[in-house]
């Protein structure tokens, strides 16, 4: 049986290896890698004890089995690349110069935010301070300042609008959510 099975595999290889290489290249593999994958596929097929007489349509059988091999190969390769990228990013440590530049740019950004905040009307500053520094709700701010809740809301809205305009002018690429994360640092 061993020699007969081997003869079937040899025959299938002779008939279909070009077709399977074409299948692999359509999946995006290079010519050389496709040839390697086809050869590896037939070697693995030899190791399996498939009864060749059961396979009625060898081209269909081989194409489907090879496609499954390509999918498995892609998944393994993707997993390995993902692990490698995780290792690269987790082991990255910025240089001293990069840290200094980041700190300096953050200090410049904080100074810009402070300046914009200081240019706000006093009521807006007070309401923003109570909201973002002390974490009070609109109702709590209203109770503490004696302003009605609608006035508190309007002052918050006006202050945020003015800060947003000022920061868009000074730092056009700044994400406004990132800007709000800076407010407590002032």
Protein backbone atom coordinates (compact mmCIF):
# COMPACT_ATOMS: atom_id res chain seq x y z
CA UNK A 1 0.00 0.00 0.00
CA UNK A 2 2.86 2.41 0.84
CA UNK A 3 4.23 2.44 -2.69
CA UNK A 4 0.75 2.80 -4.21
CA UNK A 5 -0.07 5.70 -1.92
CA UNK A 6 3.26 7.33 -2.73
CA UNK A 7 2.55 6.90 -6.44
CA UNK A 8 -0.81 8.62 -6.05
CA UNK A 9 0.82 11.54 -4.26
CA UNK A 10 3.51 11.76 -6.95
CA UNK A 11 0.85 11.72 -9.64
CA UNK A 12 -1.21 14.39 -7.88
CA UNK A 13 1.89 16.52 -7.40
CA UNK A 14 2.75 16.28 -11.12
CA UNK A 15 -0.82 17.17 -12.13
CA UNK A 16 -1.76 19.83 -9.60
CA UNK A 17 1.31 21.52 -8.12
CA UNK A 18 1.18 24.38 -10.66
CA UNK A 19 -2.50 24.92 -9.86
CA UNK A 20 -1.79 25.01 -6.11
CA UNK A 21 1.08 27.46 -6.60
CA UNK A 22 -1.36 29.66 -8.50
CA UNK A 23 -3.86 29.38 -5.61
CA UNK A 24 -1.18 30.51 -3.13
CA UNK A 25 -0.11 33.45 -5.29
CA UNK A 26 -3.74 34.59 -5.55
CA UNK A 27 -3.77 34.61 -1.73
CA UNK A 28 -0.88 37.06 -1.83
CA UNK A 29 2.08 34.78 -1.24
CA UNK A 30 5.22 35.27 -3.31
CA UNK A 31 6.28 32.77 -5.96
CA UNK A 32 9.05 31.20 -3.89
CA UNK A 33 6.97 31.01 -0.72
CA UNK A 34 4.10 29.49 -2.72
CA UNK A 35 6.39 26.74 -4.04
CA UNK A 36 7.60 26.02 -0.51
CA UNK A 37 4.05 25.86 0.82
CA UNK A 38 2.99 23.45 -1.94
CA UNK A 39 5.97 21.19 -1.31
CA UNK A 40 5.32 21.24 2.42
CA UNK A 41 1.64 20.47 1.75
CA UNK A 42 2.49 17.36 -0.28
CA UNK A 43 5.00 16.20 2.33
CA UNK A 44 2.32 16.51 5.01
CA UNK A 45 -0.10 14.68 2.73
CA UNK A 46 2.38 11.81 2.53
CA UNK A 47 2.44 11.63 6.33
CA UNK A 48 -1.33 11.39 6.52
CA UNK A 49 -2.81 8.04 5.77
CA UNK A 50 -5.40 9.19 3.27
CA UNK A 51 -6.85 6.42 1.17
CA UNK A 52 -6.37 7.70 -2.38
CA UNK A 53 -9.15 5.59 -3.80
CA UNK A 54 -11.68 7.38 -1.57
CA UNK A 55 -10.79 10.74 -3.15
CA UNK A 56 -13.06 10.95 -6.18
CA UNK A 57 -12.12 14.48 -7.26
CA UNK A 58 -8.45 14.99 -6.47
CA UNK A 59 -8.24 18.58 -7.81
CA UNK A 60 -11.13 19.70 -5.59
CA UNK A 61 -9.84 17.75 -2.60
CA UNK A 62 -6.32 19.11 -2.94
CA UNK A 63 -7.47 22.70 -3.56
CA UNK A 64 -9.71 22.69 -0.51
CA UNK A 65 -7.10 21.02 1.74
CA UNK A 66 -4.40 23.40 0.50
CA UNK A 67 -6.66 26.42 1.08
CA UNK A 68 -7.15 25.27 4.68
CA UNK A 69 -3.38 25.00 4.99
CA UNK A 70 -2.99 28.56 3.68
CA UNK A 71 -5.53 29.82 6.22
CA UNK A 72 -3.72 28.04 9.05
CA UNK A 73 -0.37 29.38 7.82
CA UNK A 74 -1.76 32.92 7.67
CA UNK A 75 -3.15 32.66 11.21
CA UNK A 76 0.13 31.32 12.59
CA UNK A 77 2.12 34.03 10.81
CA UNK A 78 -0.25 36.73 12.02
CA UNK A 79 -0.02 35.47 15.62
CA UNK A 80 3.79 35.42 15.47
CA UNK A 81 3.92 38.94 14.02
CA UNK A 82 1.48 40.18 16.65
CA UNK A 83 3.60 38.71 19.45
CA UNK A 84 6.73 40.23 17.92
CA UNK A 85 5.10 43.66 17.68
CA UNK A 86 4.02 43.43 21.33
CA UNK A 87 7.54 42.60 22.35
CA UNK A 88 8.92 45.53 20.35
CA UNK A 89 6.47 48.07 21.76
CA UNK A 90 6.69 46.84 25.33
CA UNK A 91 10.47 46.96 25.34
CA UNK A 92 10.66 50.49 23.90
CA UNK A 93 11.97 53.02 26.34
CA UNK A 94 12.19 56.64 25.25
CA UNK A 95 15.57 58.31 25.42
CA UNK A 96 16.38 61.07 27.88
CA UNK A 97 16.18 63.61 25.05
CA UNK A 98 12.70 62.39 24.05
CA UNK A 99 11.55 62.64 27.66
CA UNK A 100 12.90 66.17 27.97
CA UNK A 101 11.21 67.24 24.74
CA UNK A 102 7.90 65.71 25.87
CA UNK A 103 8.13 67.40 29.30
CA UNK A 104 9.02 70.73 27.70
CA UNK A 105 6.16 70.54 25.20
CA UNK A 106 3.76 69.57 28.01
CA UNK A 107 4.97 72.53 30.06
CA UNK A 108 4.40 74.79 27.06
CA UNK A 109 0.95 73.31 26.61
CA UNK A 110 0.14 73.72 30.30
CA UNK A 111 1.33 77.33 30.18
CA UNK A 112 -0.89 77.91 27.17
CA UNK A 113 -3.89 76.35 28.95
CA UNK A 114 -3.17 78.43 32.09
CA UNK A 115 -3.00 81.62 30.03
CA UNK A 116 -6.27 80.80 28.27
CA UNK A 117 -7.92 80.00 31.61
CA UNK A 118 -6.68 83.26 33.17
CA UNK A 119 -8.19 85.27 30.28
CA UNK A 120 -11.68 83.90 31.05
CA UNK A 121 -14.23 86.08 32.87
CA UNK A 122 -14.08 85.63 36.66
CA UNK A 123 -17.47 83.86 36.83
CA UNK A 124 -16.42 81.31 34.20
CA UNK A 125 -13.13 80.71 36.00
CA UNK A 126 -14.91 80.14 39.31
CA UNK A 127 -17.48 77.74 37.83
CA UNK A 128 -14.85 75.79 35.85
CA UNK A 129 -12.65 75.60 38.95
CA UNK A 130 -15.48 74.19 41.05
CA UNK A 131 -16.51 71.74 38.31
CA UNK A 132 -13.14 70.42 37.17
CA UNK A 133 -10.88 70.97 40.16
CA UNK A 134 -13.21 70.21 43.00
CA UNK A 135 -15.46 67.83 41.08
CA UNK A 136 -18.75 69.44 42.10
CA UNK A 137 -22.02 68.94 40.25
CA UNK A 138 -23.96 71.82 38.75
CA UNK A 139 -26.38 71.74 41.69
CA UNK A 140 -23.53 71.79 44.23
CA UNK A 141 -21.90 74.72 42.44
CA UNK A 142 -25.24 76.52 42.47
CA UNK A 143 -25.62 75.96 46.21
CA UNK A 144 -22.05 77.11 46.95
CA UNK A 145 -22.06 80.24 44.76
CA UNK A 146 -25.67 81.30 45.12
CA UNK A 147 -26.12 81.32 41.32
CA UNK A 148 -29.09 79.47 39.89
CA UNK A 149 -28.32 76.21 38.07
CA UNK A 150 -29.07 77.69 34.64
CA UNK A 151 -26.53 80.47 35.23
CA UNK A 152 -23.94 77.90 36.36
CA UNK A 153 -24.61 75.86 33.23
CA UNK A 154 -24.38 78.96 31.00
CA UNK A 155 -21.08 80.03 32.60
CA UNK A 156 -19.65 76.53 32.15
CA UNK A 157 -20.74 76.49 28.54
CA UNK A 158 -19.34 79.95 27.84
CA UNK A 159 -16.03 79.21 29.59
CA UNK A 160 -15.54 75.93 27.76
CA UNK A 161 -16.45 77.54 24.43
CA UNK A 162 -13.89 80.32 24.98
CA UNK A 163 -11.20 77.84 26.07
CA UNK A 164 -11.91 75.65 23.07
CA UNK A 165 -11.58 78.60 20.66
CA UNK A 166 -8.38 79.79 22.31
CA UNK A 167 -6.81 76.32 22.28
CA UNK A 168 -7.81 75.69 18.65
CA UNK A 169 -5.99 78.88 17.71
CA UNK A 170 -2.90 78.10 19.80
CA UNK A 171 -2.77 74.31 19.24
CA UNK A 172 -4.83 73.27 16.19
CA UNK A 173 -3.92 69.59 16.48
CA UNK A 174 -4.88 69.27 20.14
CA UNK A 175 -7.67 66.86 20.89
CA UNK A 176 -10.20 68.61 23.09
CA UNK A 177 -10.59 65.54 25.32
CA UNK A 178 -6.84 65.73 25.96
CA UNK A 179 -7.29 69.40 26.80
CA UNK A 180 -9.85 68.50 29.48
CA UNK A 181 -7.42 66.03 31.00
CA UNK A 182 -5.01 68.95 31.48
CA UNK A 183 -7.46 71.17 33.39
CA UNK A 184 -6.90 69.52 36.79
CA UNK A 185 -3.13 70.10 36.42
CA UNK A 186 -3.43 73.88 36.36
